[in-house]
Amino acid sequence: MAMIRVLIERKLRKRENISKLIRQIRVAAMAQRGYISGETLFDTEENGTIAVISTW
């Protein structure tokens, strides 16, 4: 069985607290068939840049 890793990078225009939205999306993803794991990375040097990696 093969695994797929998906990387999504976002650059926010202004500093926003999107942690709640990310959690809601992850909860929805966890309910989907094939979802294995996910992680969210915040760039500490470049404000507003985040990366979400999910494994399916």
N, C-alpha and C. Protein backbone atom coordinates (compact mmCIF):
# COMPACT_ATOMS: atom_id res chain seq x y z
N MET A 1 0.85 -1.19 0.00
CA MET A 1 0.00 0.00 0.00
C MET A 1 0.89 1.25 0.00
N ALA A 2 0.60 2.19 -0.84
CA ALA A 2 1.39 3.42 -0.96
C ALA A 2 0.82 4.52 -0.07
N MET A 3 1.72 5.37 0.43
CA MET A 3 1.31 6.54 1.20
C MET A 3 1.52 7.78 0.33
N ILE A 4 0.67 8.74 0.53
CA ILE A 4 0.77 10.01 -0.17
C ILE A 4 0.96 11.10 0.87
N ARG A 5 1.91 11.99 0.63
CA ARG A 5 2.12 13.14 1.52
C ARG A 5 1.75 14.39 0.75
N VAL A 6 0.95 15.23 1.37
CA VAL A 6 0.49 16.47 0.74
C VAL A 6 1.06 17.63 1.53
N LEU A 7 1.68 18.57 0.84
CA LEU A 7 2.26 19.75 1.47
C LEU A 7 1.53 20.98 0.93
N ILE A 8 0.98 21.77 1.85
CA ILE A 8 0.31 23.01 1.48
C ILE A 8 1.00 24.14 2.22
N GLU A 9 1.47 25.14 1.48
CA GLU A 9 2.12 26.29 2.10
C GLU A 9 1.25 27.52 1.85
N ARG A 10 1.07 28.30 2.89
CA ARG A 10 0.26 29.51 2.78
C ARG A 10 1.02 30.70 3.35
N LYS A 11 0.90 31.82 2.67
CA LYS A 11 1.46 33.07 3.16
C LYS A 11 0.29 34.01 3.43
N LEU A 12 0.09 34.33 4.68
CA LEU A 12 -1.02 35.19 5.06
C LEU A 12 -0.66 36.64 4.83
N ARG A 13 -1.62 37.41 4.37
CA ARG A 13 -1.37 38.83 4.10
C ARG A 13 -1.15 39.62 5.38
N LYS A 14 -1.91 39.28 6.37
CA LYS A 14 -1.73 39.95 7.66
C LYS A 14 -1.71 38.90 8.74
N ARG A 15 -1.12 39.23 9.83
CA ARG A 15 -0.98 38.28 10.94
C ARG A 15 -2.38 37.95 11.47
N GLU A 16 -2.80 36.73 11.25
CA GLU A 16 -4.12 36.30 11.69
C GLU A 16 -3.97 35.06 12.54
N ASN A 17 -4.88 34.88 13.45
CA ASN A 17 -4.89 33.67 14.26
C ASN A 17 -5.76 32.65 13.54
N ILE A 18 -5.13 31.75 12.80
CA ILE A 18 -5.89 30.76 12.05
C ILE A 18 -5.82 29.38 12.68
N SER A 19 -5.29 29.31 13.89
CA SER A 19 -5.15 28.02 14.57
C SER A 19 -6.49 27.30 14.70
N LYS A 20 -7.55 28.03 15.02
CA LYS A 20 -8.86 27.42 15.17
C LYS A 20 -9.33 26.81 13.85
N LEU A 21 -9.16 27.53 12.76
CA LEU A 21 -9.57 27.04 11.45
C LEU A 21 -8.76 25.80 11.06
N ILE A 22 -7.46 25.82 11.31
CA ILE A 22 -6.61 24.67 11.00
C ILE A 22 -7.08 23.44 11.78
N ARG A 23 -7.41 23.62 13.05
CA ARG A 23 -7.90 22.50 13.87
C ARG A 23 -9.21 21.95 13.31
N GLN A 24 -10.11 22.82 12.89
CA GLN A 24 -11.39 22.38 12.33
C GLN A 24 -11.18 21.57 11.05
N ILE A 25 -10.28 22.03 10.21
CA ILE A 25 -9.99 21.32 8.97
C ILE A 25 -9.35 19.97 9.26
N ARG A 26 -8.45 19.93 10.24
CA ARG A 26 -7.80 18.66 10.58
C ARG A 26 -8.82 17.67 11.13
N VAL A 27 -9.75 18.11 11.96
CA VAL A 27 -10.79 17.22 12.48
C VAL A 27 -11.61 16.64 11.33
N ALA A 28 -11.94 17.47 10.36
CA ALA A 28 -12.69 16.99 9.19
C ALA A 28 -11.86 15.99 8.39
N ALA A 29 -10.56 16.25 8.23
CA ALA A 29 -9.68 15.33 7.49
C ALA A 29 -9.57 13.99 8.21
N MET A 30 -9.49 14.03 9.53
CA MET A 30 -9.34 12.80 10.31
C MET A 30 -10.53 11.86 10.13
N ALA A 31 -11.66 12.40 9.78
CA ALA A 31 -12.86 11.58 9.57
C ALA A 31 -12.89 10.93 8.19
N GLN A 32 -11.94 11.30 7.32
CA GLN A 32 -11.93 10.79 5.96
C GLN A 32 -11.15 9.47 5.87
N ARG A 33 -11.60 8.61 5.02
CA ARG A 33 -10.94 7.33 4.81
C ARG A 33 -9.53 7.55 4.24
N GLY A 34 -8.56 6.90 4.82
CA GLY A 34 -7.20 6.97 4.33
C GLY A 34 -6.31 7.97 5.04
N TYR A 35 -6.89 8.84 5.85
CA TYR A 35 -6.09 9.83 6.57
C TYR A 35 -5.23 9.12 7.60
N ILE A 36 -3.94 9.43 7.64
CA ILE A 36 -3.02 8.83 8.60
C ILE A 36 -2.57 9.83 9.64
N SER A 37 -2.05 10.98 9.19
CA SER A 37 -1.57 11.97 10.15
C SER A 37 -1.45 13.34 9.49
N GLY A 38 -1.20 14.34 10.32
CA GLY A 38 -1.00 15.69 9.82
C GLY A 38 -0.17 16.49 10.79
N GLU A 39 0.52 17.49 10.26
CA GLU A 39 1.29 18.39 11.11
C GLU A 39 1.25 19.79 10.52
N THR A 40 1.34 20.78 11.38
CA THR A 40 1.32 22.17 10.97
C THR A 40 2.61 22.83 11.42
N LEU A 41 3.27 23.52 10.51
CA LEU A 41 4.54 24.17 10.79
C LEU A 41 4.40 25.67 10.57
N PHE A 42 4.87 26.45 11.54
CA PHE A 42 4.84 27.90 11.45
C PHE A 42 6.27 28.41 11.29
N ASP A 43 6.51 29.26 10.30
CA ASP A 43 7.83 29.84 10.07
C ASP A 43 8.09 30.91 11.12
N THR A 44 9.12 30.72 11.93
CA THR A 44 9.41 31.68 13.00
C THR A 44 10.17 32.90 12.50
N GLU A 45 10.76 32.81 11.31
CA GLU A 45 11.51 33.94 10.77
C GLU A 45 10.67 34.80 9.84
N GLU A 46 9.70 34.20 9.17
CA GLU A 46 8.88 34.94 8.21
C GLU A 46 7.43 34.90 8.70
N ASN A 47 7.01 35.94 9.36
CA ASN A 47 5.65 35.99 9.93
C ASN A 47 4.60 35.76 8.86
N GLY A 48 3.62 34.96 9.20
CA GLY A 48 2.50 34.75 8.30
C GLY A 48 2.67 33.57 7.36
N THR A 49 3.76 32.84 7.43
CA THR A 49 3.96 31.69 6.55
C THR A 49 3.73 30.41 7.36
N ILE A 50 2.86 29.55 6.85
CA ILE A 50 2.59 28.28 7.50
C ILE A 50 2.64 27.17 6.45
N ALA A 51 2.94 25.96 6.91
CA ALA A 51 2.91 24.78 6.05
C ALA A 51 2.13 23.69 6.76
N VAL A 52 1.27 23.02 6.04
CA VAL A 52 0.51 21.91 6.57
C VAL A 52 0.89 20.68 5.77
N ILE A 53 1.31 19.63 6.47
CA ILE A 53 1.70 18.38 5.81
C ILE A 53 0.76 17.29 6.30
N SER A 54 0.12 16.60 5.37
CA SER A 54 -0.76 15.49 5.76
C SER A 54 -0.32 14.23 5.04
N THR A 55 -0.51 13.12 5.71
CA THR A 55 -0.17 11.81 5.16
C THR A 55 -1.44 11.02 4.99
N TRP A 56 -1.60 10.45 3.79
CA TRP A 56 -2.79 9.68 3.44
C TRP A 56 -2.37 8.30 2.97
